[in-house]
N, C-alpha and C. Protein backbone atom coordinates (compact mmCIF):
# COMPACT_ATOMS: atom_id res chain seq x y z
N MET A 1 231.92 86.02 6.27
CA MET A 1 231.25 87.49 6.01
C MET A 1 230.44 87.15 7.61
N ALA A 2 230.55 87.77 7.84
CA ALA A 2 230.27 88.68 9.30
C ALA A 2 228.61 88.27 9.61
N LYS A 3 228.31 87.43 10.45
CA LYS A 3 227.10 87.68 10.77
C LYS A 3 226.33 88.79 10.40
N THR A 4 225.24 89.26 10.44
CA THR A 4 224.53 90.63 11.49
C THR A 4 223.19 90.16 12.27
N ILE A 5 223.27 90.53 12.99
CA ILE A 5 222.28 90.58 13.96
C ILE A 5 221.31 91.39 13.98
N LYS A 6 220.10 90.15 14.69
CA LYS A 6 218.80 91.09 14.47
C LYS A 6 218.50 91.71 15.67
N TYR A 7 217.20 92.42 16.25
CA TYR A 7 216.93 92.42 17.67
C TYR A 7 215.61 92.18 17.37
N TYR A 8 214.97 92.36 18.22
CA TYR A 8 213.25 91.57 18.42
C TYR A 8 212.89 92.41 19.83
N ILE A 9 211.50 92.97 19.66
CA ILE A 9 211.35 93.05 21.27
C ILE A 9 209.90 92.61 20.88
N VAL A 10 210.02 91.72 22.16
CA VAL A 10 209.10 90.46 22.31
C VAL A 10 208.21 90.21 24.49
N ALA A 11 207.28 90.42 24.19
CA ALA A 11 206.12 90.40 25.17
C ALA A 11 206.70 89.99 25.86
N ALA A 12 207.18 89.76 27.65
CA ALA A 12 207.89 88.95 28.63
C ALA A 12 207.14 88.47 29.18
N ASP A 13 205.58 87.92 28.63
CA ASP A 13 205.52 86.81 29.07
C ASP A 13 205.49 85.50 28.02
N ALA A 14 205.75 85.61 26.65
CA ALA A 14 205.95 85.26 25.66
C ALA A 14 207.29 84.51 25.48
N LEU A 15 208.90 85.43 26.35
CA LEU A 15 209.48 84.92 26.11
C LEU A 15 209.46 83.45 27.75
N PRO A 16 211.14 82.81 27.08
CA PRO A 16 211.00 81.61 27.99
C PRO A 16 212.15 82.38 29.32
N ASP A 17 211.48 81.41 31.02
CA ASP A 17 211.98 82.27 31.77
C ASP A 17 212.91 82.70 32.37
N ILE A 18 214.08 81.54 32.07
CA ILE A 18 215.13 81.89 31.83
C ILE A 18 216.02 83.06 31.03
N PHE A 19 215.49 84.21 30.28
CA PHE A 19 215.50 85.42 30.09
C PHE A 19 215.50 86.40 31.32
N ILE A 20 213.49 86.00 31.59
CA ILE A 20 213.39 86.67 32.61
C ILE A 20 214.67 87.03 33.97
N LYS A 21 214.30 85.91 33.88
CA LYS A 21 215.53 85.93 35.08
C LYS A 21 216.70 86.18 34.84
N VAL A 22 218.09 86.07 33.85
CA VAL A 22 218.77 86.53 33.32
C VAL A 22 218.25 88.12 33.49
N SER A 23 217.40 88.39 33.35
CA SER A 23 217.54 90.48 33.69
C SER A 23 217.35 90.80 34.77
N GLU A 24 216.38 89.34 35.49
CA GLU A 24 216.50 90.25 36.89
C GLU A 24 217.65 89.74 38.12
N ALA A 25 218.22 88.86 37.64
CA ALA A 25 219.95 88.72 38.02
C ALA A 25 220.86 90.48 37.55
N LYS A 26 220.94 90.76 36.21
CA LYS A 26 221.49 92.29 36.16
C LYS A 26 220.73 93.31 37.22
N ARG A 27 219.96 92.73 37.08
CA ARG A 27 218.64 94.74 38.08
C ARG A 27 219.54 94.22 39.28
N MET A 28 219.46 93.40 39.53
CA MET A 28 219.86 92.76 41.32
C MET A 28 221.18 93.66 41.56
N MET A 29 222.18 93.00 40.52
CA MET A 29 223.74 93.65 40.68
C MET A 29 223.39 95.06 40.30
N GLN A 30 223.09 95.72 39.25
CA GLN A 30 223.34 97.20 39.11
C GLN A 30 222.68 97.73 40.53
N THR A 31 221.79 97.46 40.81
CA THR A 31 221.02 97.68 42.22
C THR A 31 221.84 97.68 43.74
N GLY A 32 222.84 96.54 43.34
CA GLY A 32 223.13 96.74 44.28
C GLY A 32 222.44 95.58 45.47
N GLU A 33 220.91 94.95 45.56
CA GLU A 33 220.56 94.41 45.96
C GLU A 33 221.80 92.41 46.57
N ALA A 34 222.59 92.15 44.94
CA ALA A 34 223.01 91.10 44.65
C ALA A 34 224.47 92.05 44.72
N ALA A 35 225.27 90.83 44.99
CA ALA A 35 226.54 91.51 45.67
C ALA A 35 228.10 91.00 44.25
N THR A 36 227.53 89.51 44.21
CA THR A 36 228.60 89.27 43.19
C THR A 36 227.05 88.40 42.20
N VAL A 37 227.81 88.00 40.78
CA VAL A 37 227.09 87.31 40.13
C VAL A 37 226.43 86.03 40.75
N GLY A 38 227.20 84.92 41.74
CA GLY A 38 227.17 84.12 42.25
C GLY A 38 225.51 84.74 43.63
N GLU A 39 225.85 85.46 43.85
CA GLU A 39 224.42 85.44 44.98
C GLU A 39 223.31 86.40 43.60
N ALA A 40 222.99 86.69 42.97
CA ALA A 40 222.58 87.59 42.04
C ALA A 40 222.12 86.00 41.57
N THR A 41 222.37 85.39 40.74
CA THR A 41 221.93 83.49 40.08
C THR A 41 221.43 83.56 41.49
N ARG A 42 221.85 82.83 42.61
CA ARG A 42 220.86 81.88 43.05
C ARG A 42 219.45 83.40 43.74
N LEU A 43 219.51 84.21 43.89
CA LEU A 43 218.46 84.95 44.33
C LEU A 43 217.82 84.57 43.07
N ALA A 44 217.67 84.46 41.82
CA ALA A 44 217.57 84.90 40.51
C ALA A 44 216.68 83.24 40.76
N GLY A 45 217.44 82.32 40.89
CA GLY A 45 217.16 81.15 40.59
C GLY A 45 217.53 79.91 39.65
N ILE A 46 218.70 80.52 38.57
CA ILE A 46 219.44 79.86 37.90
C ILE A 46 220.64 79.33 37.60
N SER A 47 221.20 79.41 37.41
CA SER A 47 222.91 78.61 37.22
C SER A 47 223.76 79.87 36.52
N ARG A 48 224.40 79.58 37.22
CA ARG A 48 225.68 80.60 36.63
C ARG A 48 225.86 80.56 35.43
N SER A 49 226.48 79.52 35.02
CA SER A 49 226.70 79.11 32.89
C SER A 49 225.04 79.80 32.45
N ALA A 50 224.59 79.13 32.71
CA ALA A 50 222.81 79.58 31.86
C ALA A 50 222.94 81.21 31.82
N PHE A 51 223.40 82.52 33.08
CA PHE A 51 223.49 83.63 33.44
C PHE A 51 224.70 84.75 32.26
N TYR A 52 225.90 83.39 31.83
CA TYR A 52 226.93 84.00 31.60
C TYR A 52 226.26 83.94 29.79
N LYS A 53 225.86 82.53 29.40
CA LYS A 53 225.24 82.08 27.93
C LYS A 53 224.21 83.34 27.82
N TYR A 54 223.49 84.29 28.41
CA TYR A 54 222.89 85.07 28.23
C TYR A 54 222.59 86.14 28.21
N LYS A 55 223.94 86.60 29.24
CA LYS A 55 223.73 88.11 29.66
C LYS A 55 223.79 88.97 28.63
N ASP A 56 224.68 88.97 27.51
CA ASP A 56 225.03 89.73 27.00
C ASP A 56 223.83 90.14 25.74
N ALA A 57 222.55 88.98 26.00
CA ALA A 57 221.50 89.12 24.24
C ALA A 57 220.74 89.38 24.87
N VAL A 58 220.23 89.67 26.73
CA VAL A 58 219.30 89.96 27.33
C VAL A 58 219.24 91.50 27.49
N GLN A 59 218.37 92.36 26.92
CA GLN A 59 219.02 93.58 27.68
C GLN A 59 216.76 93.87 28.71
N PRO A 60 216.60 94.43 28.58
CA PRO A 60 215.13 95.13 29.39
C PRO A 60 214.77 96.43 28.13
N PHE A 61 213.20 96.64 28.08
CA PHE A 61 213.27 97.13 27.47
C PHE A 61 212.58 98.69 28.04
N ASN A 62 212.54 99.30 28.01
CA ASN A 62 212.78 100.75 29.00
C ASN A 62 211.74 101.19 27.47
N ASP A 63 210.85 102.00 27.80
CA ASP A 63 209.54 102.56 26.70
C ASP A 63 209.57 104.40 27.30
N MET A 64 210.22 104.85 26.05
CA MET A 64 210.51 106.39 27.14
C MET A 64 209.57 106.73 26.89
N LYS A 65 208.45 106.00 26.31
CA LYS A 65 207.43 106.99 25.16
C LYS A 65 206.17 106.89 27.06
N ALA A 66 206.16 105.57 27.79
CA ALA A 66 205.34 105.64 28.40
C ALA A 66 205.43 106.31 29.78
N GLU A 67 206.83 106.53 30.30
CA GLU A 67 207.77 107.32 31.68
C GLU A 67 206.91 109.00 30.98
N HIS A 68 206.98 109.74 31.92
CA HIS A 68 206.74 110.87 32.18
C HIS A 68 207.81 111.58 32.48
N ILE A 69 209.24 112.31 31.58
CA ILE A 69 209.81 112.73 31.57
C ILE A 69 210.23 113.92 31.71
N ILE A 70 210.09 114.94 32.87
CA ILE A 70 210.25 116.16 32.63
C ILE A 70 210.92 117.12 33.10
N THR A 71 211.90 117.78 32.00
CA THR A 71 213.35 118.38 32.57
C THR A 71 212.70 120.46 32.88
N PHE A 72 212.93 120.32 33.97
CA PHE A 72 212.57 121.62 34.89
C PHE A 72 213.98 122.76 34.73
N GLN A 73 214.40 124.24 34.14
CA GLN A 73 215.53 124.53 34.55
C GLN A 73 214.76 126.06 35.66
N ALA A 74 215.18 126.30 36.56
CA ALA A 74 215.67 127.78 37.40
C ALA A 74 216.05 127.96 37.46
N MET A 75 216.02 129.18 38.20
CA MET A 75 217.00 130.05 38.18
C MET A 75 217.09 130.68 40.36
N LEU A 76 217.97 130.03 40.20
CA LEU A 76 218.16 130.00 42.10
C LEU A 76 218.87 131.56 42.57
N LYS A 77 218.58 131.64 44.22
CA LYS A 77 219.33 133.05 44.41
C LYS A 77 220.28 132.34 45.06
N ASP A 78 221.84 132.36 44.53
CA ASP A 78 222.85 132.30 45.59
C ASP A 78 222.41 132.37 47.54
N SER A 79 222.12 131.58 47.64
CA SER A 79 221.63 131.36 48.72
C SER A 79 222.17 130.47 50.06
N THR A 80 222.18 129.95 51.09
CA THR A 80 221.84 128.27 51.66
C THR A 80 220.57 127.60 51.96
N GLY A 81 220.85 126.62 51.01
CA GLY A 81 219.71 125.41 51.58
C GLY A 81 218.10 125.71 50.33
N VAL A 82 218.70 127.19 49.39
CA VAL A 82 217.61 127.31 48.55
C VAL A 82 217.40 125.57 47.27
N LEU A 83 218.58 125.67 47.27
CA LEU A 83 217.91 124.09 46.35
C LEU A 83 217.67 122.63 47.50
N SER A 84 218.31 123.00 48.64
CA SER A 84 217.62 121.35 49.00
C SER A 84 215.63 121.83 49.25
N ARG A 85 215.58 123.26 49.42
CA ARG A 85 213.71 122.99 49.67
C ARG A 85 213.52 122.76 48.50
N VAL A 86 213.66 123.32 47.22
CA VAL A 86 213.53 123.11 45.51
C VAL A 86 213.59 120.92 45.99
N LEU A 87 214.83 120.62 46.27
CA LEU A 87 214.57 119.22 45.83
C LEU A 87 213.61 118.40 47.08
N ALA A 88 213.61 119.43 47.71
CA ALA A 88 212.19 118.92 49.16
C ALA A 88 211.09 119.08 48.41
N VAL A 89 210.90 120.07 47.70
CA VAL A 89 209.21 120.18 47.14
C VAL A 89 209.22 118.57 45.58
N PHE A 90 210.23 118.13 45.55
CA PHE A 90 209.80 117.41 44.21
C PHE A 90 209.74 116.34 44.66
N ALA A 91 210.55 115.06 45.73
CA ALA A 91 210.30 114.67 46.87
C ALA A 91 209.22 114.23 47.26
N ALA A 92 208.19 115.11 47.57
CA ALA A 92 206.67 115.73 48.91
C ALA A 92 206.01 115.14 47.60
N SER A 93 206.51 115.62 46.48
CA SER A 93 204.91 115.86 45.15
C SER A 93 204.76 114.33 44.22
N GLY A 94 206.43 113.10 44.93
CA GLY A 94 206.23 112.28 44.51
C GLY A 94 206.92 111.99 43.04
N ALA A 95 207.64 113.18 42.65
CA ALA A 95 208.78 113.17 41.40
C ALA A 95 209.92 112.72 41.62
N ASN A 96 210.19 111.41 40.78
CA ASN A 96 211.41 110.72 40.50
C ASN A 96 212.36 112.19 39.92
N ILE A 97 213.40 111.93 40.70
CA ILE A 97 215.08 113.57 40.40
C ILE A 97 215.77 112.04 39.30
N LEU A 98 216.17 112.27 38.68
CA LEU A 98 217.13 111.44 37.60
C LEU A 98 218.60 112.38 37.66
N THR A 99 218.33 113.40 37.00
CA THR A 99 219.32 114.52 36.94
C THR A 99 218.71 115.84 37.86
N ILE A 100 220.39 116.29 38.27
CA ILE A 100 220.77 117.90 38.47
C ILE A 100 221.83 118.34 38.25
N ASN A 101 221.60 119.66 37.56
CA ASN A 101 223.22 120.36 37.23
C ASN A 101 222.86 121.59 37.42
N GLN A 102 223.61 122.25 38.36
CA GLN A 102 223.89 123.37 39.10
C GLN A 102 224.80 124.86 38.18
N THR A 103 224.84 125.54 37.52
CA THR A 103 225.65 126.57 36.95
C THR A 103 226.15 127.37 38.19
N ILE A 104 227.44 127.82 38.34
CA ILE A 104 228.96 128.04 39.22
C ILE A 104 228.10 129.68 39.42
N PRO A 105 227.74 130.27 40.43
CA PRO A 105 226.46 131.49 40.94
C PRO A 105 227.48 132.56 40.00
N THR A 106 226.62 133.44 39.56
CA THR A 106 226.81 134.73 39.28
C THR A 106 225.85 135.71 39.03
N ASN A 107 226.11 137.15 39.96
CA ASN A 107 225.11 138.63 39.72
C ASN A 107 224.47 137.44 40.59
N GLY A 108 225.19 136.73 42.08
CA GLY A 108 223.77 136.59 42.98
C GLY A 108 223.00 135.00 42.15
N CYS A 109 222.75 134.61 41.14
CA CYS A 109 222.06 133.48 41.29
C CYS A 109 222.73 132.50 39.53
N ALA A 110 222.20 131.69 40.12
CA ALA A 110 222.88 129.94 40.14
C ALA A 110 221.76 129.45 39.25
N ALA A 111 221.93 128.59 37.93
CA ALA A 111 220.88 127.82 36.62
C ALA A 111 220.70 126.77 37.36
N VAL A 112 219.75 126.00 38.25
CA VAL A 112 219.75 124.59 37.98
C VAL A 112 218.56 124.38 36.99
N THR A 113 218.76 122.67 35.99
CA THR A 113 218.19 122.18 35.55
C THR A 113 218.13 121.39 36.20
N ILE A 114 216.90 120.30 35.84
CA ILE A 114 216.40 119.05 36.93
C ILE A 114 215.11 118.46 36.26
N SER A 115 215.68 117.11 35.86
CA SER A 115 215.38 116.24 35.19
C SER A 115 214.19 114.93 35.92
N ALA A 116 213.25 115.02 36.46
CA ALA A 116 212.40 114.24 36.67
C ALA A 116 212.04 113.21 36.01
N GLU A 117 211.50 112.24 36.74
CA GLU A 117 210.17 110.92 36.21
C GLU A 117 209.04 111.50 36.67
N THR A 118 207.97 112.02 36.44
CA THR A 118 206.70 112.61 37.22
C THR A 118 205.94 111.31 36.95
N SER A 119 205.68 110.47 36.26
CA SER A 119 204.92 109.38 36.13
C SER A 119 204.66 108.56 38.11
N GLU A 120 204.80 109.01 39.03
CA GLU A 120 204.37 108.41 40.41
C GLU A 120 204.11 109.85 40.85
N MET A 121 204.09 110.58 40.39
CA MET A 121 204.02 111.78 41.16
C MET A 121 202.32 112.14 41.77
N GLY A 122 202.48 112.31 42.84
CA GLY A 122 200.92 111.96 43.51
C GLY A 122 199.94 113.71 43.84
N GLU A 123 200.71 114.88 43.24
CA GLU A 123 199.57 115.41 42.95
C GLU A 123 200.33 115.99 41.11
N SER A 124 199.23 117.54 40.78
CA SER A 124 199.41 118.34 39.77
C SER A 124 200.63 119.06 38.87
N LEU A 125 201.40 118.83 37.62
CA LEU A 125 202.42 119.42 37.43
C LEU A 125 202.28 121.43 37.90
N GLU A 126 201.29 121.83 38.17
CA GLU A 126 199.96 123.10 38.33
C GLU A 126 200.91 123.00 39.28
N GLN A 127 200.69 122.32 40.62
CA GLN A 127 200.77 122.34 42.04
C GLN A 127 202.52 122.50 42.36
N LEU A 128 203.25 120.78 41.38
CA LEU A 128 204.87 121.38 41.72
C LEU A 128 204.53 122.53 41.49
N PHE A 129 204.75 123.40 40.16
CA PHE A 129 205.02 124.57 40.22
C PHE A 129 204.41 126.23 40.66
N SER A 130 203.55 125.75 41.57
CA SER A 130 202.61 126.85 42.70
C SER A 130 204.22 126.18 43.90
N ASP A 131 203.84 125.48 44.57
CA ASP A 131 205.24 125.45 45.35
C ASP A 131 206.58 125.00 45.65
N VAL A 132 206.81 125.13 43.86
CA VAL A 132 208.15 125.61 44.21
C VAL A 132 208.73 127.24 43.77
N GLY A 133 207.64 127.76 42.57
CA GLY A 133 207.74 129.18 42.85
C GLY A 133 207.31 129.85 44.31
N ALA A 134 206.78 128.48 44.77
CA ALA A 134 206.43 129.74 46.77
C ALA A 134 207.81 129.24 47.62
N VAL A 135 209.06 128.77 47.03
CA VAL A 135 210.36 128.42 48.08
C VAL A 135 210.99 129.75 47.72
N ALA A 136 211.18 130.14 48.86
CA ALA A 136 212.23 131.53 48.69
C ALA A 136 213.71 131.09 48.29
N GLY A 137 213.54 132.41 47.21
CA GLY A 137 214.65 131.89 46.38
C GLY A 137 214.74 131.91 45.72
N VAL A 138 213.40 130.80 45.41
CA VAL A 138 213.37 130.48 43.45
C VAL A 138 212.83 132.54 43.09
N VAL A 139 214.00 132.42 41.93
CA VAL A 139 213.57 133.40 41.07
C VAL A 139 213.04 133.28 39.60
N LYS A 140 213.38 132.21 39.27
CA LYS A 140 212.03 131.54 38.22
C LYS A 140 212.19 130.48 37.78
N PHE A 141 210.90 130.24 37.82
CA PHE A 141 211.20 128.48 37.06
C PHE A 141 210.22 128.02 35.76
N GLU A 142 210.74 126.99 35.09
CA GLU A 142 210.34 126.90 34.13
C GLU A 142 210.14 125.19 33.42
N ILE A 143 209.57 124.89 32.32
CA ILE A 143 210.27 123.39 31.49
C ILE A 143 210.24 124.21 30.49
N LEU A 144 211.62 122.70 30.83
CA LEU A 144 212.29 123.41 29.57
C LEU A 144 211.71 122.18 28.36
N ALA A 145 211.73 121.22 28.55
CA ALA A 145 211.57 120.04 27.95
C ALA A 145 210.98 118.72 28.68
N GLY A 146 209.69 118.08 27.83
CA GLY A 146 208.55 117.34 27.77
C GLY A 146 208.37 116.04 27.36
């Protein structure tokens, strides 16, 4: 009979340090801060054997409700630099762009979908809308989901 795996959400401060350090070592490898398991475990202060013992069992929980991920859609004129200027507005606002999808331009315009994490924005969404709307070549800009 197969063993059923159960999952629990536990506050980080209630976990043994080894679990936190394994998660940190995994993060360092994903972000490129550490190139190898050996380097990541050394930086995290754990043994490689501990890392391998727990690496598949420890996953950080990302509470999507706590984040502010919003998907925007824009219709842009097919002109050099329009998308770049729109992305510069997002960067200046403090939004973290997660995805960008652009269609092939037809009739002189291209649809662009941008998903961004907005919790660190230094300005309001209204200001972002105003700033993007002021970019030459933006025909339409709206929120799809958020």
